[in-house]
Amino acid sequence: MTPTFCSQCGQSLKDHPLARFCPHCGQVLASTAKKAVRHGSDSDVLSHLQNGKFIQAVKLYREQTGVDLKTAKQEVEDLAREYQIQVPSSGRGCIIVAAILVALIGLLAALLIQTTGP
């Protein structure tokens, strides 16, 4: 749905239903930007997603819509979910596994020191 007022300057957008930017202040109109990509340039963004190039998909989405990085990331993730495409995880799992390994190595070292004695 196209907004009827700009969230930045409050001016009416009634006469500009397809605008991607507010004609008064230049604010990106996220819902129309999303609609433009969803109906026009999906194929390029989707192509990047299908080839495992999430970052390139986000960059392209930002170029096409002018939205900020956080919004672009969310929109591309939504698009991937809509088309049932796996996106990379945040990487927190690797950190957790590394922490567990360090803890286990420390525990083993402590056990070895105790059993061998000084």
C-alpha atoms as a PDB file:
ATOM      1  CA  MET A   1       0.000   0.000   0.000  1.00  0.00           C
ATOM      2  CA  THR A   2       1.329   3.424  -0.959  1.00  0.00           C
ATOM      3  CA  PRO A   3       1.633   5.840   1.966  1.00  0.00           C
ATOM      4  CA  THR A   4      -0.636   8.890   1.810  1.00  0.00           C
ATOM      5  CA  PHE A   5       1.753  11.139   3.762  1.00  0.00           C
ATOM      6  CA  CYS A   6       5.534  11.294   3.912  1.00  0.00           C
ATOM      7  CA  SER A   7       6.883  10.006   7.229  1.00  0.00           C
ATOM      8  CA  GLN A   8       9.723  12.563   7.065  1.00  0.00           C
ATOM      9  CA  CYS A   9       8.031  15.863   6.188  1.00  0.00           C
ATOM     10  CA  GLY A  10       4.331  15.007   6.590  1.00  0.00           C
ATOM     11  CA  GLN A  11       3.389  16.305   3.123  1.00  0.00           C
ATOM     12  CA  SER A  12       0.577  14.636   1.205  1.00  0.00           C
ATOM     13  CA  LEU A  13       1.536  12.024  -1.385  1.00  0.00           C
ATOM     14  CA  LYS A  14      -1.993  11.701  -2.741  1.00  0.00           C
ATOM     15  CA  ASP A  15      -1.000  13.203  -6.112  1.00  0.00           C
ATOM     16  CA  HIS A  16       2.103  11.001  -6.359  1.00  0.00           C
ATOM     17  CA  PRO A  17       0.887   7.384  -5.955  1.00  0.00           C
ATOM     18  CA  LEU A  18       3.853   5.757  -7.743  1.00  0.00           C
ATOM     19  CA  ALA A  19       6.646   7.931  -6.346  1.00  0.00           C
ATOM     20  CA  ARG A  20       9.664   6.128  -4.911  1.00  0.00           C
ATOM     21  CA  PHE A  21      10.848   9.313  -3.210  1.00  0.00           C
ATOM     22  CA  CYS A  22       8.881  12.105  -1.559  1.00  0.00           C
ATOM     23  CA  PRO A  23       8.711  14.948  -4.100  1.00  0.00           C
ATOM     24  CA  HIS A  24       8.844  17.453  -1.227  1.00  0.00           C
ATOM     25  CA  CYS A  25      11.843  16.286   0.853  1.00  0.00           C
ATOM     26  CA  GLY A  26      13.356  13.337  -1.055  1.00  0.00           C
ATOM     27  CA  GLN A  27      12.621  10.723   1.639  1.00  0.00           C
ATOM     28  CA  VAL A  28      12.610   7.144   0.307  1.00  0.00           C
ATOM     29  CA  LEU A  29       9.104   5.738   0.384  1.00  0.00           C
ATOM     30  CA  ALA A  30       9.876   2.175   1.485  1.00  0.00           C
ATOM     31  CA  SER A  31       6.578   0.570   0.531  1.00  0.00           C
ATOM     32  CA  THR A  32       6.723   1.901  -3.023  1.00  0.00           C
ATOM     33  CA  ALA A  33      10.412   1.038  -3.303  1.00  0.00           C
ATOM     34  CA  LYS A  34       9.620  -2.519  -2.231  1.00  0.00           C
ATOM     35  CA  LYS A  35       6.738  -2.664  -4.706  1.00  0.00           C
ATOM     36  CA  ALA A  36       9.008  -1.422  -7.515  1.00  0.00           C
ATOM     37  CA  VAL A  37      11.571  -4.141  -6.886  1.00  0.00           C
ATOM     38  CA  ARG A  38       8.990  -6.852  -6.320  1.00  0.00           C
ATOM     39  CA  HIS A  39       7.307  -6.088  -9.637  1.00  0.00           C
ATOM     40  CA  GLY A  40      10.200  -4.930 -11.758  1.00  0.00           C
ATOM     41  CA  SER A  41      13.663  -6.142 -10.923  1.00  0.00           C
ATOM     42  CA  ASP A  42      13.082  -9.255  -8.845  1.00  0.00           C
ATOM     43  CA  SER A  43      14.973 -11.388 -11.302  1.00  0.00           C
ATOM     44  CA  ASP A  44      18.386  -9.788 -10.659  1.00  0.00           C
ATOM     45  CA  VAL A  45      18.017  -9.847  -6.872  1.00  0.00           C
ATOM     46  CA  LEU A  46      16.629 -13.393  -6.997  1.00  0.00           C
ATOM     47  CA  SER A  47      19.439 -14.495  -9.282  1.00  0.00           C
ATOM     48  CA  HIS A  48      21.988 -13.366  -6.701  1.00  0.00           C
ATOM     49  CA  LEU A  49      20.050 -15.134  -3.938  1.00  0.00           C
ATOM     50  CA  GLN A  50      19.774 -18.373  -5.897  1.00  0.00           C
ATOM     51  CA  ASN A  51      23.526 -18.295  -6.533  1.00  0.00           C
ATOM     52  CA  GLY A  52      24.263 -17.855  -2.820  1.00  0.00           C
ATOM     53  CA  LYS A  53      25.333 -14.218  -3.226  1.00  0.00           C
ATOM     54  CA  PHE A  54      23.314 -12.683  -0.393  1.00  0.00           C
ATOM     55  CA  ILE A  55      25.521  -9.603   0.020  1.00  0.00           C
ATOM     56  CA  GLN A  56      25.353  -8.801  -3.704  1.00  0.00           C
ATOM     57  CA  ALA A  57      21.560  -9.191  -3.574  1.00  0.00           C
ATOM     58  CA  VAL A  58      21.366  -6.704  -0.700  1.00  0.00           C
ATOM     59  CA  LYS A  59      23.682  -4.248  -2.499  1.00  0.00           C
ATOM     60  CA  LEU A  60      21.607  -4.459  -5.675  1.00  0.00           C
ATOM     61  CA  TYR A  61      18.374  -4.002  -3.726  1.00  0.00           C
ATOM     62  CA  ARG A  62      19.816  -0.867  -2.083  1.00  0.00           C
ATOM     63  CA  GLU A  63      20.869   0.517  -5.475  1.00  0.00           C
ATOM     64  CA  GLN A  64      17.423  -0.106  -6.943  1.00  0.00           C
ATOM     65  CA  THR A  65      15.417   1.291  -4.050  1.00  0.00           C
ATOM     66  CA  GLY A  66      17.623   3.758  -2.185  1.00  0.00           C
ATOM     67  CA  VAL A  67      16.720   2.240   1.205  1.00  0.00           C
ATOM     68  CA  ASP A  68      19.183   1.939   4.094  1.00  0.00           C
ATOM     69  CA  LEU A  69      21.245  -1.213   4.704  1.00  0.00           C
ATOM     70  CA  LYS A  70      19.058  -2.589   7.507  1.00  0.00           C
ATOM     71  CA  THR A  71      15.873  -2.224   5.461  1.00  0.00           C
ATOM     72  CA  ALA A  72      17.509  -3.732   2.366  1.00  0.00           C
ATOM     73  CA  LYS A  73      18.719  -6.741   4.363  1.00  0.00           C
ATOM     74  CA  GLN A  74      15.247  -7.298   5.818  1.00  0.00           C
ATOM     75  CA  GLU A  75      13.549  -6.949   2.444  1.00  0.00           C
ATOM     76  CA  VAL A  76      15.972  -9.339   0.721  1.00  0.00           C
ATOM     77  CA  GLU A  77      15.496 -11.865   3.544  1.00  0.00           C
ATOM     78  CA  ASP A  78      11.718 -11.515   3.106  1.00  0.00           C
ATOM     79  CA  LEU A  79      12.085 -12.024  -0.635  1.00  0.00           C
ATOM     80  CA  ALA A  80      14.221 -15.126  -0.038  1.00  0.00           C
ATOM     81  CA  ARG A  81      11.607 -16.541   2.351  1.00  0.00           C
ATOM     82  CA  GLU A  82       8.860 -15.799  -0.165  1.00  0.00           C
ATOM     83  CA  TYR A  83      10.731 -17.826  -2.804  1.00  0.00           C
ATOM     84  CA  GLN A  84      11.952 -20.423  -0.256  1.00  0.00           C
ATOM     85  CA  ILE A  85      15.643 -19.637  -0.756  1.00  0.00           C
ATOM     86  CA  GLN A  86      18.052 -20.326   2.116  1.00  0.00           C
ATOM     87  CA  VAL A  87      20.059 -17.289   3.224  1.00  0.00           C
ATOM     88  CA  PRO A  88      23.300 -17.501   5.188  1.00  0.00           C
ATOM     89  CA  SER A  89      23.077 -17.467   8.967  1.00  0.00           C
ATOM     90  CA  SER A  90      24.567 -14.724  11.091  1.00  0.00           C
ATOM     91  CA  GLY A  91      27.607 -16.852  11.997  1.00  0.00           C
ATOM     92  CA  ARG A  92      26.858 -17.064  15.724  1.00  0.00           C
ATOM     93  CA  GLY A  93      26.922 -20.853  15.571  1.00  0.00           C
ATOM     94  CA  CYS A  94      30.654 -20.868  14.777  1.00  0.00           C
ATOM     95  CA  ILE A  95      31.404 -18.664  17.775  1.00  0.00           C
ATOM     96  CA  ILE A  96      29.464 -20.965  20.089  1.00  0.00           C
ATOM     97  CA  VAL A  97      31.259 -24.066  18.770  1.00  0.00           C
ATOM     98  CA  ALA A  98      34.650 -22.349  19.185  1.00  0.00           C
ATOM     99  CA  ALA A  99      33.808 -21.361  22.777  1.00  0.00           C
ATOM    100  CA  ILE A 100      32.797 -24.936  23.613  1.00  0.00           C
ATOM    101  CA  LEU A 101      36.032 -26.283  22.116  1.00  0.00           C
ATOM    102  CA  VAL A 102      38.136 -23.829  24.135  1.00  0.00           C
ATOM    103  CA  ALA A 103      36.273 -24.803  27.306  1.00  0.00           C
ATOM    104  CA  LEU A 104      36.792 -28.530  26.615  1.00  0.00           C
ATOM    105  CA  ILE A 105      40.500 -28.064  25.935  1.00  0.00           C
ATOM    106  CA  GLY A 106      40.815 -26.111  29.192  1.00  0.00           C
ATOM    107  CA  LEU A 107      38.988 -28.840  31.088  1.00  0.00           C
ATOM    108  CA  LEU A 108      41.185 -31.571  29.584  1.00  0.00           C
ATOM    109  CA  ALA A 109      44.331 -29.600  30.429  1.00  0.00           C
ATOM    110  CA  ALA A 110      43.150 -29.185  34.048  1.00  0.00           C
ATOM    111  CA  LEU A 111      42.422 -32.927  34.317  1.00  0.00           C
ATOM    112  CA  LEU A 112      45.856 -33.819  32.924  1.00  0.00           C
ATOM    113  CA  ILE A 113      47.595 -31.515  35.408  1.00  0.00           C
ATOM    114  CA  GLN A 114      45.623 -33.031  38.301  1.00  0.00           C
ATOM    115  CA  THR A 115      46.317 -36.648  37.333  1.00  0.00           C
ATOM    116  CA  THR A 116      50.030 -36.203  36.670  1.00  0.00           C
ATOM    117  CA  GLY A 117      50.607 -34.058  39.748  1.00  0.00           C
ATOM    118  CA  PRO A 118      53.539 -31.760  40.442  1.00  0.00           C
END
